[in-house]
Amino acid sequence: MIFNKSFSISDNLNWNSQNDLKNAYDDVEKARGYIRKEVCYSGLTEYGKLVSQCEFVLNVSGDMWGDNAEHVGHQRFLVDCLKMLTAQVLGIKTILYAVTPGPFNRIEDKKLALQVFKNFSMVVIREKLSKENLVKWGYLIIFPSCI
């Protein structure tokens, strides 16, 4: 969910699973164009406009930040990852909370996941395996947890 003050962005958009992946790629490209000053604010997608008004985006995907998300919809992880990338491109802080990153069976998904992951403002993991994976993938654990 994405909150700006007291509203949830997901409540304000009409999600369409048939077009979600295409729309997510479009969100990223238009956000990049906006940052390069090739697209004006009105040229952003509805998602981009709403996210650009936020102070931060809080992602609570849990164990679905990877291939485990497939059971809730085709390519749900990829859509979620692109939505986080859109916020990051727009300079909005992103937080990944109570997450189990991975697994990533497709090389392309893993590359995108690691690109987005390194730009999160904060990540809160849930268990020892996540910590081990993050270390294996080259991420420094700054604050040791109780894990």
Protein backbone atom coordinates (compact mmCIF):
# COMPACT_ATOMS: atom_id res chain seq x y z
CA MET A 1 0.00 0.00 0.00
CA ILE A 2 1.12 3.51 -0.64
CA PHE A 3 0.04 6.26 1.70
CA ASN A 4 0.15 10.01 1.40
CA LYS A 5 -1.08 11.49 4.65
CA SER A 6 -4.28 9.53 5.15
CA PHE A 7 -5.15 8.00 1.81
CA SER A 8 -4.07 4.82 0.11
CA ILE A 9 -3.09 5.16 -3.53
CA SER A 10 -4.20 1.59 -4.24
CA ASP A 11 -7.75 2.63 -3.31
CA ASN A 12 -7.68 5.42 -5.89
CA LEU A 13 -6.61 3.45 -8.95
CA ASN A 14 -8.45 0.98 -11.12
CA TRP A 15 -6.14 -2.04 -11.22
CA ASN A 16 -6.49 -4.18 -14.33
CA SER A 17 -4.43 -7.37 -14.12
CA GLN A 18 -4.46 -7.84 -17.89
CA ASN A 19 -2.60 -4.55 -18.41
CA ASP A 20 -0.73 -4.19 -15.11
CA LEU A 21 2.68 -5.17 -16.46
CA LYS A 22 2.41 -2.91 -19.51
CA ASN A 23 1.16 -0.08 -17.28
CA ALA A 24 4.01 -0.61 -14.79
CA TYR A 25 6.61 -0.32 -17.57
CA ASP A 26 4.79 2.80 -18.78
CA ASP A 27 4.91 4.26 -15.24
CA VAL A 28 8.71 3.88 -15.17
CA GLU A 29 9.29 5.29 -18.65
CA LYS A 30 7.09 8.33 -18.10
CA ALA A 31 8.74 8.96 -14.71
CA ARG A 32 12.16 8.83 -16.38
CA GLY A 33 10.93 11.26 -19.03
CA TYR A 34 9.60 13.57 -16.34
CA ILE A 35 12.96 13.59 -14.53
CA ARG A 36 14.76 14.28 -17.83
CA LYS A 37 12.22 17.11 -18.41
CA GLU A 38 10.97 15.41 -21.58
CA VAL A 39 7.50 14.87 -20.07
CA CYS A 40 5.50 17.44 -18.11
CA TYR A 41 3.59 16.56 -14.94
CA SER A 42 0.38 16.02 -16.88
CA GLY A 43 2.24 13.41 -18.96
CA LEU A 44 2.85 11.19 -15.95
CA THR A 45 0.59 8.19 -15.46
CA GLU A 46 -2.06 8.43 -12.74
CA TYR A 47 0.16 6.26 -10.55
CA GLY A 48 3.14 8.52 -11.21
CA LYS A 49 1.14 11.63 -10.33
CA LEU A 50 -0.09 10.17 -7.06
CA VAL A 51 3.28 8.75 -6.05
CA SER A 52 5.02 12.04 -6.82
CA GLN A 53 2.92 13.65 -4.07
CA CYS A 54 4.04 11.14 -1.42
CA GLU A 55 6.79 11.58 1.14
CA PHE A 56 7.51 7.86 1.00
CA VAL A 57 6.14 4.57 -0.33
CA LEU A 58 5.81 1.71 2.15
CA ASN A 59 5.86 -1.73 0.55
CA VAL A 60 4.52 -4.51 2.77
CA SER A 61 4.81 -7.40 0.32
CA GLY A 62 6.05 -9.82 2.98
CA ASP A 63 7.10 -13.12 1.47
CA MET A 64 5.85 -12.06 -1.94
CA TRP A 65 8.87 -9.95 -2.89
CA GLY A 66 10.06 -12.48 -5.45
CA ASP A 67 8.71 -15.50 -7.29
CA ASN A 68 6.40 -16.32 -4.35
CA ALA A 69 4.04 -13.56 -5.57
CA GLU A 70 3.03 -15.52 -8.65
CA HIS A 71 0.10 -17.20 -6.87
CA VAL A 72 -1.69 -13.85 -6.49
CA GLY A 73 -1.41 -12.97 -10.18
CA HIS A 74 0.77 -13.42 -13.23
CA GLN A 75 4.03 -11.47 -12.89
CA ARG A 76 2.84 -9.71 -9.69
CA PHE A 77 6.39 -9.40 -8.38
CA LEU A 78 7.59 -7.74 -11.58
CA VAL A 79 4.67 -5.29 -11.47
CA ASP A 80 5.40 -4.51 -7.80
CA CYS A 81 9.11 -4.06 -8.49
CA LEU A 82 8.40 -1.66 -11.37
CA LYS A 83 6.01 0.34 -9.17
CA MET A 84 8.79 0.73 -6.58
CA LEU A 85 11.21 1.71 -9.36
CA THR A 86 8.78 4.41 -10.52
CA ALA A 87 8.74 5.95 -7.05
CA GLN A 88 12.54 5.76 -6.84
CA VAL A 89 12.96 7.40 -10.25
CA LEU A 90 10.71 10.24 -9.04
CA GLY A 91 12.95 10.69 -6.01
CA ILE A 92 10.42 9.36 -3.50
CA LYS A 93 11.77 7.42 -0.52
CA THR A 94 10.83 3.75 -0.63
CA ILE A 95 10.66 1.34 2.30
CA LEU A 96 10.44 -2.44 2.05
CA TYR A 97 8.94 -3.71 5.30
CA ALA A 98 8.78 -7.21 6.83
CA VAL A 99 10.06 -8.82 3.68
CA THR A 100 11.53 -12.12 2.57
CA PRO A 101 13.39 -11.22 -0.66
CA GLY A 102 13.52 -13.95 -3.30
CA PRO A 103 13.61 -16.45 -4.69
CA PHE A 104 14.29 -15.07 -8.17
CA ASN A 105 14.29 -17.85 -10.77
CA ARG A 106 14.46 -15.55 -13.79
CA ILE A 107 17.80 -13.74 -14.23
CA GLU A 108 16.03 -10.59 -15.51
CA ASP A 109 13.79 -10.47 -12.41
CA LYS A 110 16.79 -10.86 -10.11
CA LYS A 111 18.71 -8.06 -11.85
CA LEU A 112 15.75 -5.69 -11.61
CA ALA A 113 15.06 -6.73 -8.01
CA LEU A 114 18.65 -6.02 -6.97
CA GLN A 115 18.64 -2.68 -8.82
CA VAL A 116 15.46 -1.61 -7.01
CA PHE A 117 16.60 -3.16 -3.73
CA LYS A 118 19.79 -1.10 -3.55
CA ASN A 119 17.70 2.08 -3.82
CA PHE A 120 15.29 1.37 -0.97
CA SER A 121 15.63 3.94 1.80
CA MET A 122 15.09 1.22 4.39
CA VAL A 123 14.57 -2.54 4.38
CA VAL A 124 13.24 -4.56 7.28
CA ILE A 125 13.72 -8.31 6.88
CA ARG A 126 11.89 -11.09 8.68
CA GLU A 127 14.24 -14.04 9.14
CA LYS A 128 17.77 -15.44 9.02
CA LEU A 129 17.54 -16.74 5.43
CA SER A 130 16.79 -13.22 4.16
CA LYS A 131 19.82 -11.88 6.00
CA GLU A 132 22.01 -14.63 4.52
CA ASN A 133 20.67 -13.96 1.01
CA LEU A 134 21.27 -10.22 1.31
CA VAL A 135 24.86 -10.81 2.41
CA LYS A 136 25.33 -13.30 -0.47
CA TRP A 137 23.95 -10.72 -2.93
CA GLY A 138 26.42 -8.11 -1.68
CA TYR A 139 24.27 -6.02 0.63
CA LEU A 140 25.78 -4.77 3.84
CA ILE A 141 23.64 -5.33 6.90
CA ILE A 142 24.08 -2.05 8.76
CA PHE A 143 22.02 -2.72 11.87
CA PRO A 144 22.29 -6.31 13.08
CA SER A 145 18.91 -7.67 13.99
CA CYS A 146 17.87 -10.25 16.52
CA ILE A 147 17.94 -12.81 13.71
